[in-house]
């Protein structure tokens, strides 16, 4: 008779030595799980998810990735919530939003608000972190998205 999984000495030793990372909750595999959910009856959604996967794997255009993510979210219309949450979390770990009030100031990282419906809403929420008075952010303020330095 074996040990139940919660008391198996090999599992306890493994979990106490190092953190276990699930490969299906990070990297392109997160999109693969969403694609598996979408494969029946949603060819447009599958194409959009494949395009997002390719863009994230290429790591060339963070703005395009966010735009694809927001488009996919709108087209999913609340379906596949858990799979999409994993994709959104993966993007948040790999794409950084940065703002600065003017060109003379260094870029400052801000939270990437992926609960937005549109790209301009995301940009405005990031720029709002620069607000220091009731007149809003400076007219010279700029916003950019970039990939983190570590590959997924």
Protein backbone atom coordinates (compact mmCIF):
# COMPACT_ATOMS: atom_id res chain seq x y z
CA UNK A 1 0.00 0.00 0.00
CA UNK A 2 1.47 3.35 -1.04
CA UNK A 3 1.37 6.76 0.49
CA UNK A 4 -1.40 9.20 -0.40
CA UNK A 5 0.01 11.98 -2.64
CA UNK A 6 -0.01 14.51 0.19
CA UNK A 7 2.23 12.27 2.37
CA UNK A 8 4.44 10.68 -0.24
CA UNK A 9 8.04 11.39 0.92
CA UNK A 10 9.32 11.86 -2.64
CA UNK A 11 6.69 14.51 -3.39
CA UNK A 12 7.29 16.31 -0.09
CA UNK A 13 11.06 16.30 -0.69
CA UNK A 14 10.61 17.59 -4.22
CA UNK A 15 8.31 20.42 -3.21
CA UNK A 16 10.46 21.47 -0.28
CA UNK A 17 13.68 21.60 -2.35
CA UNK A 18 12.45 23.87 -5.12
CA UNK A 19 9.35 25.55 -6.34
CA UNK A 20 7.51 23.57 -8.96
CA UNK A 21 6.59 25.51 -12.07
CA UNK A 22 3.84 24.20 -14.26
CA UNK A 23 4.89 24.53 -17.92
CA UNK A 24 1.26 24.87 -18.97
CA UNK A 25 0.78 28.12 -17.08
CA UNK A 26 3.70 29.99 -18.58
CA UNK A 27 4.94 30.51 -22.10
CA UNK A 28 3.25 29.61 -25.36
CA UNK A 29 1.67 26.58 -23.69
CA UNK A 30 -0.86 28.89 -22.04
CA UNK A 31 -2.13 29.81 -25.49
CA UNK A 32 -2.06 26.16 -26.51
CA UNK A 33 -4.51 25.41 -23.69
CA UNK A 34 -6.78 28.20 -24.88
CA UNK A 35 -6.48 26.92 -28.44
CA UNK A 36 -7.51 23.46 -27.26
CA UNK A 37 -10.65 25.01 -25.77
CA UNK A 38 -11.37 26.98 -28.95
CA UNK A 39 -10.78 24.28 -31.53
CA UNK A 40 -14.47 23.43 -31.98
CA UNK A 41 -16.71 25.82 -33.86
CA UNK A 42 -14.68 29.03 -33.59
CA UNK A 43 -12.28 29.29 -36.55
CA UNK A 44 -12.00 33.09 -36.26
CA UNK A 45 -11.05 32.83 -32.60
CA UNK A 46 -8.53 30.08 -33.32
CA UNK A 47 -6.88 32.23 -36.00
CA UNK A 48 -6.72 35.20 -33.63
CA UNK A 49 -5.24 33.09 -30.82
CA UNK A 50 -2.67 31.61 -33.24
CA UNK A 51 -1.72 35.11 -34.36
CA UNK A 52 -1.26 36.15 -30.73
CA UNK A 53 0.85 33.06 -30.06
CA UNK A 54 3.09 33.84 -33.04
CA UNK A 55 3.45 37.48 -32.01
CA UNK A 56 4.34 36.58 -28.42
CA UNK A 57 6.83 33.94 -29.54
CA UNK A 58 8.50 36.39 -31.95
CA UNK A 59 8.74 39.06 -29.20
CA UNK A 60 9.01 41.79 -31.82
CA UNK A 61 6.02 44.08 -31.24
CA UNK A 62 4.59 44.34 -27.73
CA UNK A 63 1.93 46.84 -28.86
CA UNK A 64 0.64 44.36 -31.43
CA UNK A 65 0.50 41.60 -28.80
CA UNK A 66 -1.59 43.75 -26.47
CA UNK A 67 -3.87 44.79 -29.34
CA UNK A 68 -4.38 41.12 -30.28
CA UNK A 69 -5.03 40.21 -26.65
CA UNK A 70 -7.70 42.91 -26.29
CA UNK A 71 -9.32 41.88 -29.59
CA UNK A 72 -9.35 38.24 -28.53
CA UNK A 73 -10.87 39.19 -25.18
CA UNK A 74 -13.67 41.12 -26.89
CA UNK A 75 -14.39 38.25 -29.28
CA UNK A 76 -14.41 35.65 -26.47
CA UNK A 77 -17.14 37.66 -24.73
CA UNK A 78 -16.54 36.13 -21.29
CA UNK A 79 -16.14 32.53 -22.46
CA UNK A 80 -13.05 30.44 -21.57
CA UNK A 81 -12.39 32.67 -18.58
CA UNK A 82 -9.72 30.56 -16.84
CA UNK A 83 -7.72 29.83 -20.00
CA UNK A 84 -7.82 33.50 -20.97
CA UNK A 85 -6.82 34.56 -17.46
CA UNK A 86 -3.69 32.41 -17.77
CA UNK A 87 -2.85 34.01 -21.12
CA UNK A 88 -3.39 37.49 -19.68
CA UNK A 89 -1.16 36.69 -16.69
CA UNK A 90 1.56 35.36 -19.01
CA UNK A 91 1.47 38.59 -21.03
CA UNK A 92 1.66 40.65 -17.85
CA UNK A 93 4.87 38.81 -16.90
CA UNK A 94 6.41 39.38 -20.32
CA UNK A 95 5.32 42.86 -21.37
CA UNK A 96 6.19 46.01 -19.46
CA UNK A 97 4.37 49.35 -19.68
CA UNK A 98 6.51 52.44 -19.24
CA UNK A 99 5.66 56.13 -19.02
CA UNK A 100 7.56 59.38 -18.72
CA UNK A 101 6.41 62.99 -18.44
CA UNK A 102 8.92 64.27 -21.05
CA UNK A 103 11.95 63.21 -23.07
CA UNK A 104 14.42 64.43 -20.45
CA UNK A 105 13.02 62.08 -17.81
CA UNK A 106 13.89 58.37 -17.68
CA UNK A 107 11.18 55.81 -18.37
CA UNK A 108 9.21 54.67 -15.32
CA UNK A 109 7.56 51.26 -15.17
CA UNK A 110 3.88 51.13 -14.27
CA UNK A 111 1.39 48.30 -13.81
CA UNK A 112 0.04 46.85 -17.04
CA UNK A 113 -3.75 47.05 -16.65
CA UNK A 114 -5.00 44.18 -18.77
CA UNK A 115 -8.57 44.49 -17.57
CA UNK A 116 -9.15 47.22 -20.16
CA UNK A 117 -11.39 46.82 -23.19
CA UNK A 118 -9.39 48.96 -25.62
CA UNK A 119 -5.77 49.92 -26.25
CA UNK A 120 -6.39 53.65 -25.71
CA UNK A 121 -7.97 52.90 -22.32
CA UNK A 122 -4.87 50.92 -21.34
CA UNK A 123 -2.60 53.75 -22.47
CA UNK A 124 -4.65 56.39 -20.61
CA UNK A 125 -4.61 54.37 -17.40
CA UNK A 126 -0.83 54.09 -17.60
CA UNK A 127 -0.42 57.80 -18.34
CA UNK A 128 -2.72 58.59 -15.41
CA UNK A 129 0.06 57.41 -13.09
CA UNK A 130 1.88 60.62 -14.05
CA UNK A 131 -0.92 62.88 -12.79
CA UNK A 132 0.38 65.21 -10.10
CA UNK A 133 -2.41 67.81 -10.09
CA UNK A 134 -6.02 68.22 -11.21
CA UNK A 135 -5.00 69.22 -14.76
CA UNK A 136 -3.98 65.68 -15.71
CA UNK A 137 -0.74 64.39 -17.12
CA UNK A 138 1.68 66.68 -18.96
CA UNK A 139 1.03 67.13 -22.70
CA UNK A 140 4.59 65.92 -23.36
CA UNK A 141 3.97 62.61 -21.58
CA UNK A 142 4.71 59.46 -23.55
CA UNK A 143 3.84 55.79 -23.20
CA UNK A 144 5.44 52.62 -24.53
CA UNK A 145 5.18 48.88 -24.21
CA UNK A 146 8.20 46.62 -24.39
CA UNK A 147 9.05 43.01 -23.73
CA UNK A 148 10.89 42.10 -20.57
CA UNK A 149 14.52 41.20 -21.09
CA UNK A 150 14.07 37.55 -20.10
CA UNK A 151 12.67 35.27 -22.77
CA UNK A 152 9.48 33.34 -21.89
